[in-house]
Amino acid sequence: MLTGRIMGLDIGDRTIGVAVSDLMGMTAQGVKTIKRTSKKNDIDEIKNIIKEKNVNLIVSGLPKNMNGTVGPQGEKVKKFCELIKEEIDIDIEFWDERLTTVAAEKTLITADVSRKKRKNVIDMMAAVLILQGYLDYKVK
């Protein structure tokens, strides 16, 4: 079983969805959607959440093409994670995030969340799905 909190990130060009695990590392909860303004501000906001929630590991979704290769968006995510690592001494692992936004959208539609509200929480929900997938895999 895992111990300590783990942060899940869904890194996009305009927003970053953030989720954090419980202390036992069993469940993922959405924290927020960061509206991207600058790399410095984005990383500062992530730093604040890490301190506030006592996070000891980050799991970032890694966008892959359907054939499993890493494309341009995946390379952007890797570079941003390198910047995080330079600023914060924390391990970062990657998790295949293919179709997590689609799954998040379906979950929110099933929960009858309005289109406007879905837009505000879709990335956070995707971060929850990324982190929960990682936690479920690690607990096996």
C-alpha atoms as a PDB file:
ATOM      1  CA  MET A   1       0.000   0.000   0.000  1.00  0.00           C
ATOM      2  CA  LEU A   2       1.181   3.531  -0.764  1.00  0.00           C
ATOM      3  CA  THR A   3       1.669   6.145   1.934  1.00  0.00           C
ATOM      4  CA  GLY A   4       1.615   9.922   1.666  1.00  0.00           C
ATOM      5  CA  ARG A   5      -0.260  12.107  -0.749  1.00  0.00           C
ATOM      6  CA  ILE A   6       0.208  11.953  -4.482  1.00  0.00           C
ATOM      7  CA  MET A   7      -0.709  14.779  -6.849  1.00  0.00           C
ATOM      8  CA  GLY A   8      -2.231  14.049 -10.240  1.00  0.00           C
ATOM      9  CA  LEU A   9      -1.864  16.602 -13.031  1.00  0.00           C
ATOM     10  CA  ASP A  10      -3.645  16.962 -16.365  1.00  0.00           C
ATOM     11  CA  ILE A  11      -1.420  19.509 -18.101  1.00  0.00           C
ATOM     12  CA  GLY A  12      -2.903  21.364 -21.043  1.00  0.00           C
ATOM     13  CA  ASP A  13      -1.999  24.511 -22.934  1.00  0.00           C
ATOM     14  CA  ARG A  14      -4.635  26.682 -21.186  1.00  0.00           C
ATOM     15  CA  THR A  15      -5.319  24.851 -17.927  1.00  0.00           C
ATOM     16  CA  ILE A  16      -3.863  22.326 -15.506  1.00  0.00           C
ATOM     17  CA  GLY A  17      -6.242  19.959 -13.753  1.00  0.00           C
ATOM     18  CA  VAL A  18      -5.093  19.049 -10.246  1.00  0.00           C
ATOM     19  CA  ALA A  19      -6.090  16.107  -8.047  1.00  0.00           C
ATOM     20  CA  VAL A  20      -4.602  14.778  -4.816  1.00  0.00           C
ATOM     21  CA  SER A  21      -4.822  11.368  -3.197  1.00  0.00           C
ATOM     22  CA  ASP A  22      -5.903  10.660   0.339  1.00  0.00           C
ATOM     23  CA  LEU A  23      -3.125   9.942   2.874  1.00  0.00           C
ATOM     24  CA  MET A  24      -3.324   6.190   2.270  1.00  0.00           C
ATOM     25  CA  GLY A  25      -2.924   6.624  -1.480  1.00  0.00           C
ATOM     26  CA  MET A  26      -6.188   4.848  -2.244  1.00  0.00           C
ATOM     27  CA  THR A  27      -8.535   7.493  -3.661  1.00  0.00           C
ATOM     28  CA  ALA A  28      -8.141  10.618  -5.788  1.00  0.00           C
ATOM     29  CA  GLN A  29     -10.037  13.846  -5.161  1.00  0.00           C
ATOM     30  CA  GLY A  30     -10.196  16.882  -7.407  1.00  0.00           C
ATOM     31  CA  VAL A  31      -8.516  19.993  -6.040  1.00  0.00           C
ATOM     32  CA  LYS A  32      -8.781  22.664  -8.723  1.00  0.00           C
ATOM     33  CA  THR A  33      -8.238  23.730 -12.293  1.00  0.00           C
ATOM     34  CA  ILE A  34      -5.340  26.142 -12.673  1.00  0.00           C
ATOM     35  CA  LYS A  35      -5.874  28.730 -15.410  1.00  0.00           C
ATOM     36  CA  ARG A  36      -2.440  29.006 -17.009  1.00  0.00           C
ATOM     37  CA  THR A  37      -0.950  32.509 -17.043  1.00  0.00           C
ATOM     38  CA  SER A  38       2.818  31.948 -17.073  1.00  0.00           C
ATOM     39  CA  LYS A  39       5.132  29.033 -16.355  1.00  0.00           C
ATOM     40  CA  LYS A  40       6.324  30.745 -13.168  1.00  0.00           C
ATOM     41  CA  ASN A  41       2.796  31.383 -11.872  1.00  0.00           C
ATOM     42  CA  ASP A  42       1.668  27.878 -12.859  1.00  0.00           C
ATOM     43  CA  ILE A  43       4.585  26.280 -10.986  1.00  0.00           C
ATOM     44  CA  ASP A  44       4.082  28.583  -7.965  1.00  0.00           C
ATOM     45  CA  GLU A  45       0.449  27.468  -7.758  1.00  0.00           C
ATOM     46  CA  ILE A  46       1.496  23.798  -7.958  1.00  0.00           C
ATOM     47  CA  LYS A  47       4.138  24.452  -5.251  1.00  0.00           C
ATOM     48  CA  ASN A  48       1.488  25.952  -2.965  1.00  0.00           C
ATOM     49  CA  ILE A  49      -0.757  22.909  -3.342  1.00  0.00           C
ATOM     50  CA  ILE A  50       2.195  20.573  -2.701  1.00  0.00           C
ATOM     51  CA  LYS A  51       2.971  22.399   0.554  1.00  0.00           C
ATOM     52  CA  GLU A  52      -0.662  22.681   1.642  1.00  0.00           C
ATOM     53  CA  LYS A  53      -1.473  19.014   0.952  1.00  0.00           C
ATOM     54  CA  ASN A  54       1.935  17.525   1.923  1.00  0.00           C
ATOM     55  CA  VAL A  55       2.422  15.892  -1.480  1.00  0.00           C
ATOM     56  CA  ASN A  56       5.468  13.624  -1.932  1.00  0.00           C
ATOM     57  CA  LEU A  57       4.977  12.455  -5.540  1.00  0.00           C
ATOM     58  CA  ILE A  58       3.481  13.870  -8.737  1.00  0.00           C
ATOM     59  CA  VAL A  59       1.821  11.743 -11.410  1.00  0.00           C
ATOM     60  CA  SER A  60       1.393  13.662 -14.626  1.00  0.00           C
ATOM     61  CA  GLY A  61      -0.819  12.499 -17.426  1.00  0.00           C
ATOM     62  CA  LEU A  62       1.233  11.908 -20.555  1.00  0.00           C
ATOM     63  CA  PRO A  63      -0.682  12.468 -23.782  1.00  0.00           C
ATOM     64  CA  LYS A  64       0.112   9.739 -26.274  1.00  0.00           C
ATOM     65  CA  ASN A  65      -1.034   9.078 -29.790  1.00  0.00           C
ATOM     66  CA  MET A  66      -3.444   6.168 -30.176  1.00  0.00           C
ATOM     67  CA  ASN A  67      -0.521   4.012 -31.412  1.00  0.00           C
ATOM     68  CA  GLY A  68       1.325   4.614 -28.113  1.00  0.00           C
ATOM     69  CA  THR A  69       3.920   7.088 -29.367  1.00  0.00           C
ATOM     70  CA  VAL A  70       4.541  10.437 -27.673  1.00  0.00           C
ATOM     71  CA  GLY A  71       3.654  13.368 -29.910  1.00  0.00           C
ATOM     72  CA  PRO A  72       4.173  17.141 -29.676  1.00  0.00           C
ATOM     73  CA  GLN A  73       1.697  17.620 -26.803  1.00  0.00           C
ATOM     74  CA  GLY A  74       3.394  14.844 -24.826  1.00  0.00           C
ATOM     75  CA  GLU A  75       6.766  16.531 -25.360  1.00  0.00           C
ATOM     76  CA  LYS A  76       5.316  19.822 -24.028  1.00  0.00           C
ATOM     77  CA  VAL A  77       4.106  18.010 -20.899  1.00  0.00           C
ATOM     78  CA  LYS A  78       7.526  16.412 -20.361  1.00  0.00           C
ATOM     79  CA  LYS A  79       9.273  19.785 -20.695  1.00  0.00           C
ATOM     80  CA  PHE A  80       6.873  21.428 -18.239  1.00  0.00           C
ATOM     81  CA  CYS A  81       7.451  18.587 -15.764  1.00  0.00           C
ATOM     82  CA  GLU A  82      11.205  19.142 -16.105  1.00  0.00           C
ATOM     83  CA  LEU A  83      10.626  22.780 -15.092  1.00  0.00           C
ATOM     84  CA  ILE A  84       8.588  21.649 -12.073  1.00  0.00           C
ATOM     85  CA  LYS A  85      11.385  19.262 -11.064  1.00  0.00           C
ATOM     86  CA  GLU A  86      13.977  22.073 -11.318  1.00  0.00           C
ATOM     87  CA  GLU A  87      11.890  24.199  -8.923  1.00  0.00           C
ATOM     88  CA  ILE A  88      10.690  21.483  -6.546  1.00  0.00           C
ATOM     89  CA  ASP A  89      12.637  18.468  -5.338  1.00  0.00           C
ATOM     90  CA  ILE A  90       9.902  15.918  -5.969  1.00  0.00           C
ATOM     91  CA  ASP A  91       9.647  12.746  -8.041  1.00  0.00           C
ATOM     92  CA  ILE A  92       7.415  12.901 -11.111  1.00  0.00           C
ATOM     93  CA  GLU A  93       6.002   9.826 -12.823  1.00  0.00           C
ATOM     94  CA  PHE A  94       4.000   9.730 -16.031  1.00  0.00           C
ATOM     95  CA  TRP A  95       0.704   7.951 -16.645  1.00  0.00           C
ATOM     96  CA  ASP A  96      -0.834   7.292 -20.048  1.00  0.00           C
ATOM     97  CA  GLU A  97      -3.743   9.682 -20.254  1.00  0.00           C
ATOM     98  CA  ARG A  98      -5.276   8.571 -23.541  1.00  0.00           C
ATOM     99  CA  LEU A  99      -9.034   9.129 -23.512  1.00  0.00           C
ATOM    100  CA  THR A 100      -9.175  10.468 -19.918  1.00  0.00           C
ATOM    101  CA  THR A 101     -10.783  13.727 -21.057  1.00  0.00           C
ATOM    102  CA  VAL A 102     -13.397  11.723 -22.979  1.00  0.00           C
ATOM    103  CA  ALA A 103     -14.062   9.592 -19.882  1.00  0.00           C
ATOM    104  CA  ALA A 104     -14.243  12.726 -17.701  1.00  0.00           C
ATOM    105  CA  GLU A 105     -16.749  14.295 -20.103  1.00  0.00           C
ATOM    106  CA  LYS A 106     -18.928  11.158 -20.058  1.00  0.00           C
ATOM    107  CA  THR A 107     -18.813  11.014 -16.253  1.00  0.00           C
ATOM    108  CA  LEU A 108     -19.884  14.654 -15.962  1.00  0.00           C
ATOM    109  CA  ILE A 109     -22.666  14.219 -18.533  1.00  0.00           C
ATOM    110  CA  THR A 110     -23.923  11.158 -16.660  1.00  0.00           C
ATOM    111  CA  ALA A 111     -23.942  13.249 -13.472  1.00  0.00           C
ATOM    112  CA  ASP A 112     -26.083  15.817 -15.358  1.00  0.00           C
ATOM    113  CA  VAL A 113     -23.509  18.597 -14.990  1.00  0.00           C
ATOM    114  CA  SER A 114     -24.331  21.544 -17.263  1.00  0.00           C
ATOM    115  CA  ARG A 115     -22.116  22.255 -20.257  1.00  0.00           C
ATOM    116  CA  LYS A 116     -20.874  25.519 -18.685  1.00  0.00           C
ATOM    117  CA  LYS A 117     -19.939  23.814 -15.408  1.00  0.00           C
ATOM    118  CA  ARG A 118     -18.346  20.879 -17.275  1.00  0.00           C
ATOM    119  CA  LYS A 119     -16.001  23.300 -19.021  1.00  0.00           C
ATOM    120  CA  ASN A 120     -14.783  24.561 -15.632  1.00  0.00           C
ATOM    121  CA  VAL A 121     -14.116  21.143 -14.087  1.00  0.00           C
ATOM    122  CA  ILE A 122     -13.274  18.823 -16.995  1.00  0.00           C
ATOM    123  CA  ASP A 123      -9.500  19.124 -16.549  1.00  0.00           C
ATOM    124  CA  MET A 124      -9.714  18.588 -12.790  1.00  0.00           C
ATOM    125  CA  MET A 125     -11.879  15.522 -13.432  1.00  0.00           C
ATOM    126  CA  ALA A 126      -9.333  14.237 -15.961  1.00  0.00           C
ATOM    127  CA  ALA A 127      -6.610  14.684 -13.291  1.00  0.00           C
ATOM    128  CA  VAL A 128      -8.747  12.612 -10.892  1.00  0.00           C
ATOM    129  CA  LEU A 129      -9.051   9.837 -13.496  1.00  0.00           C
ATOM    130  CA  ILE A 130      -5.297   9.914 -14.230  1.00  0.00           C
ATOM    131  CA  LEU A 131      -4.428   9.727 -10.535  1.00  0.00           C
ATOM    132  CA  GLN A 132      -7.057   7.088  -9.726  1.00  0.00           C
ATOM    133  CA  GLY A 133      -5.802   4.911 -12.596  1.00  0.00           C
ATOM    134  CA  TYR A 134      -2.268   5.184 -11.208  1.00  0.00           C
ATOM    135  CA  LEU A 135      -3.407   4.437  -7.637  1.00  0.00           C
ATOM    136  CA  ASP A 136      -5.467   1.424  -8.730  1.00  0.00           C
ATOM    137  CA  TYR A 137      -2.488   0.057 -10.654  1.00  0.00           C
ATOM    138  CA  LYS A 138      -0.054   0.560  -7.750  1.00  0.00           C
ATOM    139  CA  VAL A 139      -2.334  -1.017  -5.128  1.00  0.00           C
ATOM    140  CA  LYS A 140      -2.682  -4.305  -7.073  1.00  0.00           C
END
